[in-house]
Amino acid sequence: MTTLSAQSALVPTANRNLGLGFTGNLGNIDAYISAVNRLPMLTHDQEISLAKRLQENNDLAAAQELVLSHLRLVVSIARGYLGYGLPHADLIQEGNIGLM
């Protein structure tokens, strides 16, 4: 079982590799979306397996993989709400919080 250490929890996001294949500053929304679009999509069986690992073993690595695999969905849904007066980055950020 993988757990998040207290030290890694204190490291700013810009300095941690979150599995996005982009280790630089994720402050640029286009770079973030590009990195998210490179993430692999999970199959149904993979999702079920990861969810079971998370539920039964409290496996944080499984939780991270589930969340990362759904970031593309968050970006897609956020895109649908453009034009309502909120910046794209804010919509994505709120979606990411909801996902977690």
PDB file of N, CA and C in Angstrom:
ATOM      1  N   MET A   1       0.844  -1.170   0.000  1.00  0.00           N
ATOM      2  CA  MET A   1       0.000   0.000   0.000  1.00  0.00           C
ATOM      3  C   MET A   1       0.891   1.234   0.000  1.00  0.00           C
ATOM      4  N   THR A   2       0.573   2.191  -0.835  1.00  0.00           N
ATOM      5  CA  THR A   2       1.328   3.422  -0.930  1.00  0.00           C
ATOM      6  C   THR A   2       0.607   4.510  -0.157  1.00  0.00           C
ATOM      7  N   THR A   3       1.348   5.245   0.668  1.00  0.00           N
ATOM      8  CA  THR A   3       0.751   6.347   1.402  1.00  0.00           C
ATOM      9  C   THR A   3       1.519   7.615   1.104  1.00  0.00           C
ATOM     10  N   LEU A   4       0.843   8.728   1.232  1.00  0.00           N
ATOM     11  CA  LEU A   4       1.443  10.025   0.971  1.00  0.00           C
ATOM     12  C   LEU A   4       2.211  10.447   2.210  1.00  0.00           C
ATOM     13  N   SER A   5       3.499  10.707   2.062  1.00  0.00           N
ATOM     14  CA  SER A   5       4.297  11.120   3.214  1.00  0.00           C
ATOM     15  C   SER A   5       4.042  12.583   3.534  1.00  0.00           C
ATOM     16  N   ALA A   6       4.264  12.951   4.776  1.00  0.00           N
ATOM     17  CA  ALA A   6       4.058  14.333   5.194  1.00  0.00           C
ATOM     18  C   ALA A   6       4.967  15.276   4.427  1.00  0.00           C
ATOM     19  N   GLN A   7       6.185  14.832   4.136  1.00  0.00           N
ATOM     20  CA  GLN A   7       7.127  15.684   3.418  1.00  0.00           C
ATOM     21  C   GLN A   7       6.644  15.956   1.998  1.00  0.00           C
ATOM     22  N   SER A   8       6.176  14.945   1.275  1.00  0.00           N
ATOM     23  CA  SER A   8       5.740  15.165  -0.102  1.00  0.00           C
ATOM     24  C   SER A   8       4.463  15.982  -0.151  1.00  0.00           C
ATOM     25  N   ALA A   9       3.675  15.965   0.917  1.00  0.00           N
ATOM     26  CA  ALA A   9       2.451  16.759   0.950  1.00  0.00           C
ATOM     27  C   ALA A   9       2.765  18.244   1.030  1.00  0.00           C
ATOM     28  N   LEU A  10       3.959  18.598   1.510  1.00  0.00           N
ATOM     29  CA  LEU A  10       4.329  19.998   1.662  1.00  0.00           C
ATOM     30  C   LEU A  10       5.050  20.570   0.452  1.00  0.00           C
ATOM     31  N   VAL A  11       5.384  19.736  -0.516  1.00  0.00           N
ATOM     32  CA  VAL A  11       6.102  20.199  -1.698  1.00  0.00           C
ATOM     33  C   VAL A  11       5.116  20.873  -2.638  1.00  0.00           C
ATOM     34  N   PRO A  12       5.409  22.106  -3.089  1.00  0.00           N
ATOM     35  CA  PRO A  12       4.495  22.783  -4.007  1.00  0.00           C
ATOM     36  C   PRO A  12       4.243  21.942  -5.258  1.00  0.00           C
ATOM     37  N   THR A  13       3.034  22.046  -5.780  1.00  0.00           N
ATOM     38  CA  THR A  13       2.629  21.264  -6.945  1.00  0.00           C
ATOM     39  C   THR A  13       3.557  21.474  -8.123  1.00  0.00           C
ATOM     40  N   ALA A  14       4.032  22.692  -8.324  1.00  0.00           N
ATOM     41  CA  ALA A  14       4.881  22.981  -9.478  1.00  0.00           C
ATOM     42  C   ALA A  14       6.188  22.200  -9.430  1.00  0.00           C
ATOM     43  N   ASN A  15       6.589  21.743  -8.244  1.00  0.00           N
ATOM     44  CA  ASN A  15       7.861  21.045  -8.104  1.00  0.00           C
ATOM     45  C   ASN A  15       7.716  19.534  -8.003  1.00  0.00           C
ATOM     46  N   ARG A  16       6.505  19.023  -8.055  1.00  0.00           N
ATOM     47  CA  ARG A  16       6.278  17.582  -7.973  1.00  0.00           C
ATOM     48  C   ARG A  16       5.831  17.067  -9.325  1.00  0.00           C
ATOM     49  N   ASN A  17       6.287  15.873  -9.672  1.00  0.00           N
ATOM     50  CA  ASN A  17       5.806  15.216 -10.884  1.00  0.00           C
ATOM     51  C   ASN A  17       4.545  14.462 -10.501  1.00  0.00           C
ATOM     52  N   LEU A  18       3.399  14.884 -11.025  1.00  0.00           N
ATOM     53  CA  LEU A  18       2.126  14.277 -10.663  1.00  0.00           C
ATOM     54  C   LEU A  18       1.689  13.222 -11.655  1.00  0.00           C
ATOM     55  N   GLY A  19       2.621  12.716 -12.454  1.00  0.00           N
ATOM     56  CA  GLY A  19       2.248  11.694 -13.409  1.00  0.00           C
ATOM     57  C   GLY A  19       1.689  12.265 -14.693  1.00  0.00           C
ATOM     58  N   LEU A  20       1.795  13.572 -14.858  1.00  0.00           N
ATOM     59  CA  LEU A  20       1.280  14.200 -16.063  1.00  0.00           C
ATOM     60  C   LEU A  20       2.312  14.221 -17.179  1.00  0.00           C
ATOM     61  N   GLY A  21       3.525  13.781 -16.895  1.00  0.00           N
ATOM     62  CA  GLY A  21       4.564  13.844 -17.914  1.00  0.00           C
ATOM     63  C   GLY A  21       5.045  15.267 -18.131  1.00  0.00           C
ATOM     64  N   PHE A  22       4.765  16.135 -17.178  1.00  0.00           N
ATOM     65  CA  PHE A  22       5.123  17.542 -17.283  1.00  0.00           C
ATOM     66  C   PHE A  22       5.598  17.971 -15.910  1.00  0.00           C
ATOM     67  N   THR A  23       6.900  18.138 -15.738  1.00  0.00           N
ATOM     68  CA  THR A  23       7.446  18.425 -14.415  1.00  0.00           C
ATOM     69  C   THR A  23       7.665  19.904 -14.172  1.00  0.00           C
ATOM     70  N   GLY A  24       7.401  20.747 -15.148  1.00  0.00           N
ATOM     71  CA  GLY A  24       7.598  22.179 -14.981  1.00  0.00           C
ATOM     72  C   GLY A  24       6.418  22.825 -14.291  1.00  0.00           C
ATOM     73  N   ASN A  25       6.339  24.135 -14.397  1.00  0.00           N
ATOM     74  CA  ASN A  25       5.257  24.891 -13.803  1.00  0.00           C
ATOM     75  C   ASN A  25       3.981  24.655 -14.603  1.00  0.00           C
ATOM     76  N   LEU A  26       2.941  24.179 -13.942  1.00  0.00           N
ATOM     77  CA  LEU A  26       1.679  23.907 -14.622  1.00  0.00           C
ATOM     78  C   LEU A  26       0.772  25.134 -14.627  1.00  0.00           C
ATOM     79  N   GLY A  27       1.345  26.318 -14.458  1.00  0.00           N
ATOM     80  CA  GLY A  27       0.564  27.540 -14.446  1.00  0.00           C
ATOM     81  C   GLY A  27       0.001  27.913 -15.803  1.00  0.00           C
ATOM     82  N   ASN A  28       0.561  27.410 -16.872  1.00  0.00           N
ATOM     83  CA  ASN A  28       0.075  27.693 -18.217  1.00  0.00           C
ATOM     84  C   ASN A  28      -1.052  26.717 -18.531  1.00  0.00           C
ATOM     85  N   ILE A  29      -2.256  27.226 -18.742  1.00  0.00           N
ATOM     86  CA  ILE A  29      -3.422  26.367 -18.946  1.00  0.00           C
ATOM     87  C   ILE A  29      -3.276  25.497 -20.188  1.00  0.00           C
ATOM     88  N   ASP A  30      -2.677  26.029 -21.241  1.00  0.00           N
ATOM     89  CA  ASP A  30      -2.495  25.232 -22.460  1.00  0.00           C
ATOM     90  C   ASP A  30      -1.539  24.068 -22.216  1.00  0.00           C
ATOM     91  N   ALA A  31      -0.475  24.304 -21.443  1.00  0.00           N
ATOM     92  CA  ALA A  31       0.469  23.226 -21.116  1.00  0.00           C
ATOM     93  C   ALA A  31      -0.214  22.174 -20.250  1.00  0.00           C
ATOM     94  N   TYR A  32      -1.043  22.616 -19.328  1.00  0.00           N
ATOM     95  CA  TYR A  32      -1.764  21.679 -18.460  1.00  0.00           C
ATOM     96  C   TYR A  32      -2.716  20.808 -19.277  1.00  0.00           C
ATOM     97  N   ILE A  33      -3.492  21.430 -20.148  1.00  0.00           N
ATOM     98  CA  ILE A  33      -4.445  20.677 -20.971  1.00  0.00           C
ATOM     99  C   ILE A  33      -3.708  19.707 -21.883  1.00  0.00           C
ATOM    100  N   SER A  34      -2.599  20.144 -22.437  1.00  0.00           N
ATOM    101  CA  SER A  34      -1.803  19.266 -23.295  1.00  0.00           C
ATOM    102  C   SER A  34      -1.292  18.061 -22.509  1.00  0.00           C
ATOM    103  N   ALA A  35      -0.819  18.300 -21.284  1.00  0.00           N
ATOM    104  CA  ALA A  35      -0.321  17.202 -20.447  1.00  0.00           C
ATOM    105  C   ALA A  35      -1.450  16.253 -20.073  1.00  0.00           C
ATOM    106  N   VAL A  36      -2.607  16.789 -19.745  1.00  0.00           N
ATOM    107  CA  VAL A  36      -3.762  15.960 -19.384  1.00  0.00           C
ATOM    108  C   VAL A  36      -4.193  15.104 -20.567  1.00  0.00           C
ATOM    109  N   ASN A  37      -4.162  15.670 -21.754  1.00  0.00           N
ATOM    110  CA  ASN A  37      -4.579  14.921 -22.945  1.00  0.00           C
ATOM    111  C   ASN A  37      -3.626  13.783 -23.291  1.00  0.00           C
ATOM    112  N   ARG A  38      -2.411  13.816 -22.760  1.00  0.00           N
ATOM    113  CA  ARG A  38      -1.453  12.726 -22.998  1.00  0.00           C
ATOM    114  C   ARG A  38      -1.637  11.562 -22.030  1.00  0.00           C
ATOM    115  N   LEU A  39      -2.422  11.757 -20.993  1.00  0.00           N
ATOM    116  CA  LEU A  39      -2.648  10.686 -20.019  1.00  0.00           C
ATOM    117  C   LEU A  39      -3.470   9.570 -20.654  1.00  0.00           C
ATOM    118  N   PRO A  40      -3.124   8.320 -20.355  1.00  0.00           N
ATOM    119  CA  PRO A  40      -3.884   7.200 -20.933  1.00  0.00           C
ATOM    120  C   PRO A  40      -5.264   7.076 -20.289  1.00  0.00           C
ATOM    121  N   MET A  41      -6.216   6.644 -21.091  1.00  0.00           N
ATOM    122  CA  MET A  41      -7.557   6.377 -20.577  1.00  0.00           C
ATOM    123  C   MET A  41      -7.591   4.948 -20.041  1.00  0.00           C
ATOM    124  N   LEU A  42      -8.352   4.733 -18.999  1.00  0.00           N
ATOM    125  CA  LEU A  42      -8.468   3.409 -18.403  1.00  0.00           C
ATOM    126  C   LEU A  42      -9.592   2.625 -19.070  1.00  0.00           C
ATOM    127  N   THR A  43      -9.422   1.323 -19.109  1.00  0.00           N
ATOM    128  CA  THR A  43     -10.507   0.458 -19.557  1.00  0.00           C
ATOM    129  C   THR A  43     -11.466   0.263 -18.377  1.00  0.00           C
ATOM    130  N   HIS A  44     -12.625  -0.272 -18.671  1.00  0.00           N
ATOM    131  CA  HIS A  44     -13.612  -0.537 -17.622  1.00  0.00           C
ATOM    132  C   HIS A  44     -13.029  -1.467 -16.555  1.00  0.00           C
ATOM    133  N   ASP A  45     -12.361  -2.520 -17.000  1.00  0.00           N
ATOM    134  CA  ASP A  45     -11.776  -3.482 -16.058  1.00  0.00           C
ATOM    135  C   ASP A  45     -10.693  -2.844 -15.188  1.00  0.00           C
ATOM    136  N   GLN A  46      -9.886  -1.949 -15.783  1.00  0.00           N
ATOM    137  CA  GLN A  46      -8.852  -1.262 -15.008  1.00  0.00           C
ATOM    138  C   GLN A  46      -9.489  -0.374 -13.937  1.00  0.00           C
ATOM    139  N   GLU A  47     -10.558   0.338 -14.303  1.00  0.00           N
ATOM    140  CA  GLU A  47     -11.241   1.195 -13.333  1.00  0.00           C
ATOM    141  C   GLU A  47     -11.795   0.381 -12.171  1.00  0.00           C
ATOM    142  N   ILE A  48     -12.429  -0.740 -12.486  1.00  0.00           N
ATOM    143  CA  ILE A  48     -12.991  -1.599 -11.438  1.00  0.00           C
ATOM    144  C   ILE A  48     -11.882  -2.102 -10.515  1.00  0.00           C
ATOM    145  N   SER A  49     -10.780  -2.550 -11.100  1.00  0.00           N
ATOM    146  CA  SER A  49      -9.656  -3.062 -10.317  1.00  0.00           C
ATOM    147  C   SER A  49      -9.081  -1.986  -9.398  1.00  0.00           C
ATOM    148  N   LEU A  50      -8.891  -0.781  -9.931  1.00  0.00           N
ATOM    149  CA  LEU A  50      -8.347   0.314  -9.123  1.00  0.00           C
ATOM    150  C   LEU A  50      -9.315   0.706  -8.010  1.00  0.00           C
ATOM    151  N   ALA A  51     -10.593   0.754  -8.321  1.00  0.00           N
ATOM    152  CA  ALA A  51     -11.594   1.114  -7.310  1.00  0.00           C
ATOM    153  C   ALA A  51     -11.621   0.086  -6.183  1.00  0.00           C
ATOM    154  N   LYS A  52     -11.502  -1.183  -6.530  1.00  0.00           N
ATOM    155  CA  LYS A  52     -11.471  -2.228  -5.502  1.00  0.00           C
ATOM    156  C   LYS A  52     -10.227  -2.105  -4.635  1.00  0.00           C
ATOM    157  N   ARG A  53      -9.066  -1.826  -5.272  1.00  0.00           N
ATOM    158  CA  ARG A  53      -7.825  -1.639  -4.505  1.00  0.00           C
ATOM    159  C   ARG A  53      -7.964  -0.472  -3.537  1.00  0.00           C
ATOM    160  N   LEU A  54      -8.586   0.599  -3.998  1.00  0.00           N
ATOM    161  CA  LEU A  54      -8.764   1.771  -3.146  1.00  0.00           C
ATOM    162  C   LEU A  54      -9.701   1.453  -1.989  1.00  0.00           C
ATOM    163  N   GLN A  55     -10.821   0.843  -2.290  1.00  0.00           N
ATOM    164  CA  GLN A  55     -11.815   0.564  -1.257  1.00  0.00           C
ATOM    165  C   GLN A  55     -11.330  -0.479  -0.249  1.00  0.00           C
ATOM    166  N   GLU A  56     -10.743  -1.547  -0.734  1.00  0.00           N
ATOM    167  CA  GLU A  56     -10.362  -2.651   0.151  1.00  0.00           C
ATOM    168  C   GLU A  56      -9.045  -2.420   0.881  1.00  0.00           C
ATOM    169  N   ASN A  57      -8.104  -1.741   0.237  1.00  0.00           N
ATOM    170  CA  ASN A  57      -6.760  -1.592   0.807  1.00  0.00           C
ATOM    171  C   ASN A  57      -6.375  -0.156   1.121  1.00  0.00           C
ATOM    172  N   ASN A  58      -7.283   0.786   0.864  1.00  0.00           N
ATOM    173  CA  ASN A  58      -6.968   2.207   1.033  1.00  0.00           C
ATOM    174  C   ASN A  58      -5.686   2.562   0.281  1.00  0.00           C
ATOM    175  N   ASP A  59      -5.568   2.055  -0.936  1.00  0.00           N
ATOM    176  CA  ASP A  59      -4.375   2.204  -1.769  1.00  0.00           C
ATOM    177  C   ASP A  59      -4.374   3.577  -2.445  1.00  0.00           C
ATOM    178  N   LEU A  60      -3.512   4.472  -1.961  1.00  0.00           N
ATOM    179  CA  LEU A  60      -3.461   5.829  -2.499  1.00  0.00           C
ATOM    180  C   LEU A  60      -2.921   5.877  -3.924  1.00  0.00           C
ATOM    181  N   ALA A  61      -2.084   4.919  -4.299  1.00  0.00           N
ATOM    182  CA  ALA A  61      -1.596   4.868  -5.685  1.00  0.00           C
ATOM    183  C   ALA A  61      -2.757   4.585  -6.632  1.00  0.00           C
ATOM    184  N   ALA A  62      -3.674   3.732  -6.221  1.00  0.00           N
ATOM    185  CA  ALA A  62      -4.862   3.448  -7.034  1.00  0.00           C
ATOM    186  C   ALA A  62      -5.740   4.686  -7.127  1.00  0.00           C
ATOM    187  N   ALA A  63      -5.896   5.402  -6.020  1.00  0.00           N
ATOM    188  CA  ALA A  63      -6.692   6.630  -6.025  1.00  0.00           C
ATOM    189  C   ALA A  63      -6.084   7.660  -6.963  1.00  0.00           C
ATOM    190  N   GLN A  64      -4.762   7.809  -6.910  1.00  0.00           N
ATOM    191  CA  GLN A  64      -4.092   8.769  -7.778  1.00  0.00           C
ATOM    192  C   GLN A  64      -4.293   8.403  -9.239  1.00  0.00           C
ATOM    193  N   GLU A  65      -4.176   7.127  -9.563  1.00  0.00           N
ATOM    194  CA  GLU A  65      -4.348   6.701 -10.949  1.00  0.00           C
ATOM    195  C   GLU A  65      -5.777   6.947 -11.428  1.00  0.00           C
ATOM    196  N   LEU A  66      -6.750   6.711 -10.563  1.00  0.00           N
ATOM    197  CA  LEU A  66      -8.144   6.981 -10.923  1.00  0.00           C
ATOM    198  C   LEU A  66      -8.371   8.469 -11.176  1.00  0.00           C
ATOM    199  N   VAL A  67      -7.869   9.295 -10.279  1.00  0.00           N
ATOM    200  CA  VAL A  67      -8.055  10.744 -10.429  1.00  0.00           C
ATOM    201  C   VAL A  67      -7.357  11.246 -11.686  1.00  0.00           C
ATOM    202  N   LEU A  68      -6.102  10.851 -11.887  1.00  0.00           N
ATOM    203  CA  LEU A  68      -5.362  11.313 -13.060  1.00  0.00           C
ATOM    204  C   LEU A  68      -6.033  10.883 -14.355  1.00  0.00           C
ATOM    205  N   SER A  69      -6.599   9.692 -14.366  1.00  0.00           N
ATOM    206  CA  SER A  69      -7.216   9.204 -15.597  1.00  0.00           C
ATOM    207  C   SER A  69      -8.501   9.950 -15.937  1.00  0.00           C
ATOM    208  N   HIS A  70      -9.081  10.646 -14.966  1.00  0.00           N
ATOM    209  CA  HIS A  70     -10.330  11.368 -15.216  1.00  0.00           C
ATOM    210  C   HIS A  70     -10.134  12.879 -15.385  1.00  0.00           C
ATOM    211  N   LEU A  71      -8.902  13.344 -15.366  1.00  0.00           N
ATOM    212  CA  LEU A  71      -8.656  14.775 -15.558  1.00  0.00           C
ATOM    213  C   LEU A  71      -9.094  15.237 -16.945  1.00  0.00           C
ATOM    214  N   ARG A  72      -8.957  14.367 -17.925  1.00  0.00           N
ATOM    215  CA  ARG A  72      -9.376  14.703 -19.287  1.00  0.00           C
ATOM    216  C   ARG A  72     -10.885  14.976 -19.325  1.00  0.00           C
ATOM    217  N   LEU A  73     -11.650  14.201 -18.575  1.00  0.00           N
ATOM    218  CA  LEU A  73     -13.097  14.402 -18.494  1.00  0.00           C
ATOM    219  C   LEU A  73     -13.410  15.760 -17.870  1.00  0.00           C
ATOM    220  N   VAL A  74     -12.677  16.127 -16.830  1.00  0.00           N
ATOM    221  CA  VAL A  74     -12.874  17.427 -16.190  1.00  0.00           C
ATOM    222  C   VAL A  74     -12.645  18.551 -17.189  1.00  0.00           C
ATOM    223  N   VAL A  75     -11.557  18.461 -17.961  1.00  0.00           N
ATOM    224  CA  VAL A  75     -11.248  19.490 -18.959  1.00  0.00           C
ATOM    225  C   VAL A  75     -12.367  19.562 -19.993  1.00  0.00           C
ATOM    226  N   SER A  76     -12.859  18.422 -20.421  1.00  0.00           N
ATOM    227  CA  SER A  76     -13.924  18.372 -21.419  1.00  0.00           C
ATOM    228  C   SER A  76     -15.216  19.002 -20.895  1.00  0.00           C
ATOM    229  N   ILE A  77     -15.583  18.673 -19.670  1.00  0.00           N
ATOM    230  CA  ILE A  77     -16.801  19.243 -19.089  1.00  0.00           C
ATOM    231  C   ILE A  77     -16.639  20.743 -18.875  1.00  0.00           C
ATOM    232  N   ALA A  78     -15.469  21.167 -18.400  1.00  0.00           N
ATOM    233  CA  ALA A  78     -15.210  22.594 -18.179  1.00  0.00           C
ATOM    234  C   ALA A  78     -15.326  23.373 -19.481  1.00  0.00           C
ATOM    235  N   ARG A  79     -14.867  22.780 -20.565  1.00  0.00           N
ATOM    236  CA  ARG A  79     -14.943  23.435 -21.870  1.00  0.00           C
ATOM    237  C   ARG A  79     -16.402  23.752 -22.231  1.00  0.00           C
ATOM    238  N   GLY A  80     -17.317  22.907 -21.816  1.00  0.00           N
ATOM    239  CA  GLY A  80     -18.734  23.119 -22.100  1.00  0.00           C
ATOM    240  C   GLY A  80     -19.334  24.306 -21.368  1.00  0.00           C
ATOM    241  N   TYR A  81     -18.665  24.780 -20.316  1.00  0.00           N
ATOM    242  CA  TYR A  81     -19.171  25.905 -19.543  1.00  0.00           C
ATOM    243  C   TYR A  81     -18.463  27.218 -19.863  1.00  0.00           C
ATOM    244  N   LEU A  82     -17.629  27.215 -20.881  1.00  0.00           N
ATOM    245  CA  LEU A  82     -16.999  28.467 -21.302  1.00  0.00           C
ATOM    246  C   LEU A  82     -18.093  29.411 -21.790  1.00  0.00           C
ATOM    247  N   GLY A  83     -17.929  30.675 -21.562  1.00  0.00           N
ATOM    248  CA  GLY A  83     -18.922  31.640 -22.002  1.00  0.00           C
ATOM    249  C   GLY A  83     -19.898  32.034 -20.904  1.00  0.00           C
ATOM    250  N   TYR A  84     -19.742  31.466 -19.714  1.00  0.00           N
ATOM    251  CA  TYR A  84     -20.603  31.830 -18.591  1.00  0.00           C
ATOM    252  C   TYR A  84     -19.929  32.843 -17.667  1.00  0.00           C
ATOM    253  N   GLY A  85     -18.799  33.382 -18.091  1.00  0.00           N
ATOM    254  CA  GLY A  85     -18.150  34.434 -17.328  1.00  0.00           C
ATOM    255  C   GLY A  85     -17.000  34.001 -16.441  1.00  0.00           C
ATOM    256  N   LEU A  86     -16.713  32.704 -16.371  1.00  0.00           N
ATOM    257  CA  LEU A  86     -15.585  32.241 -15.569  1.00  0.00           C
ATOM    258  C   LEU A  86     -14.436  31.824 -16.471  1.00  0.00           C
ATOM    259  N   PRO A  87     -13.205  32.105 -16.050  1.00  0.00           N
ATOM    260  CA  PRO A  87     -12.049  31.667 -16.841  1.00  0.00           C
ATOM    261  C   PRO A  87     -11.976  30.142 -16.917  1.00  0.00           C
ATOM    262  N   HIS A  88     -11.436  29.654 -18.024  1.00  0.00           N
ATOM    263  CA  HIS A  88     -11.311  28.213 -18.252  1.00  0.00           C
ATOM    264  C   HIS A  88     -10.540  27.551 -17.112  1.00  0.00           C
ATOM    265  N   ALA A  89      -9.466  28.188 -16.667  1.00  0.00           N
ATOM    266  CA  ALA A  89      -8.647  27.620 -15.589  1.00  0.00           C
ATOM    267  C   ALA A  89      -9.453  27.463 -14.300  1.00  0.00           C
ATOM    268  N   ASP A  90     -10.324  28.419 -13.994  1.00  0.00           N
ATOM    269  CA  ASP A  90     -11.147  28.321 -12.785  1.00  0.00           C
ATOM    270  C   ASP A  90     -12.142  27.173 -12.885  1.00  0.00           C
ATOM    271  N   LEU A  91     -12.731  27.006 -14.060  1.00  0.00           N
ATOM    272  CA  LEU A  91     -13.669  25.903 -14.266  1.00  0.00           C
ATOM    273  C   LEU A  91     -12.972  24.556 -14.088  1.00  0.00           C
ATOM    274  N   ILE A  92     -11.774  24.442 -14.658  1.00  0.00           N
ATOM    275  CA  ILE A  92     -11.007  23.195 -14.528  1.00  0.00           C
ATOM    276  C   ILE A  92     -10.627  22.957 -13.073  1.00  0.00           C
ATOM    277  N   GLN A  93     -10.198  24.010 -12.384  1.00  0.00           N
ATOM    278  CA  GLN A  93      -9.805  23.870 -10.984  1.00  0.00           C
ATOM    279  C   GLN A  93     -10.978  23.384 -10.132  1.00  0.00           C
ATOM    280  N   GLU A  94     -12.145  23.957 -10.327  1.00  0.00           N
ATOM    281  CA  GLU A  94     -13.320  23.527  -9.565  1.00  0.00           C
ATOM    282  C   GLU A  94     -13.687  22.083  -9.891  1.00  0.00           C
ATOM    283  N   GLY A  95     -13.557  21.713 -11.165  1.00  0.00           N
ATOM    284  CA  GLY A  95     -13.822  20.332 -11.558  1.00  0.00           C
ATOM    285  C   GLY A  95     -12.842  19.364 -10.929  1.00  0.00           C
ATOM    286  N   ASN A  96     -11.583  19.758 -10.871  1.00  0.00           N
ATOM    287  CA  ASN A  96     -10.563  18.906 -10.247  1.00  0.00           C
ATOM    288  C   ASN A  96     -10.850  18.707  -8.761  1.00  0.00           C
ATOM    289  N   ILE A  97     -11.283  19.758  -8.097  1.00  0.00           N
ATOM    290  CA  ILE A  97     -11.627  19.642  -6.675  1.00  0.00           C
ATOM    291  C   ILE A  97     -12.808  18.688  -6.508  1.00  0.00           C
ATOM    292  N   GLY A  98     -13.799  18.830  -7.366  1.00  0.00           N
ATOM    293  CA  GLY A  98     -14.945  17.930  -7.314  1.00  0.00           C
ATOM    294  C   GLY A  98     -14.561  16.489  -7.593  1.00  0.00           C
ATOM    295  N   LEU A  99     -13.628  16.293  -8.497  1.00  0.00           N
ATOM    296  CA  LEU A  99     -13.175  14.946  -8.835  1.00  0.00           C
ATOM    297  C   LEU A  99     -12.512  14.275  -7.641  1.00  0.00           C
ATOM    298  N   MET A 100     -11.718  15.046  -6.914  1.00  0.00           N
ATOM    299  CA  MET A 100     -11.006  14.468  -5.767  1.00  0.00           C
ATOM    300  C   MET A 100     -11.947  14.224  -4.624  1.00  0.00           C
TER     301      MET A 100
END
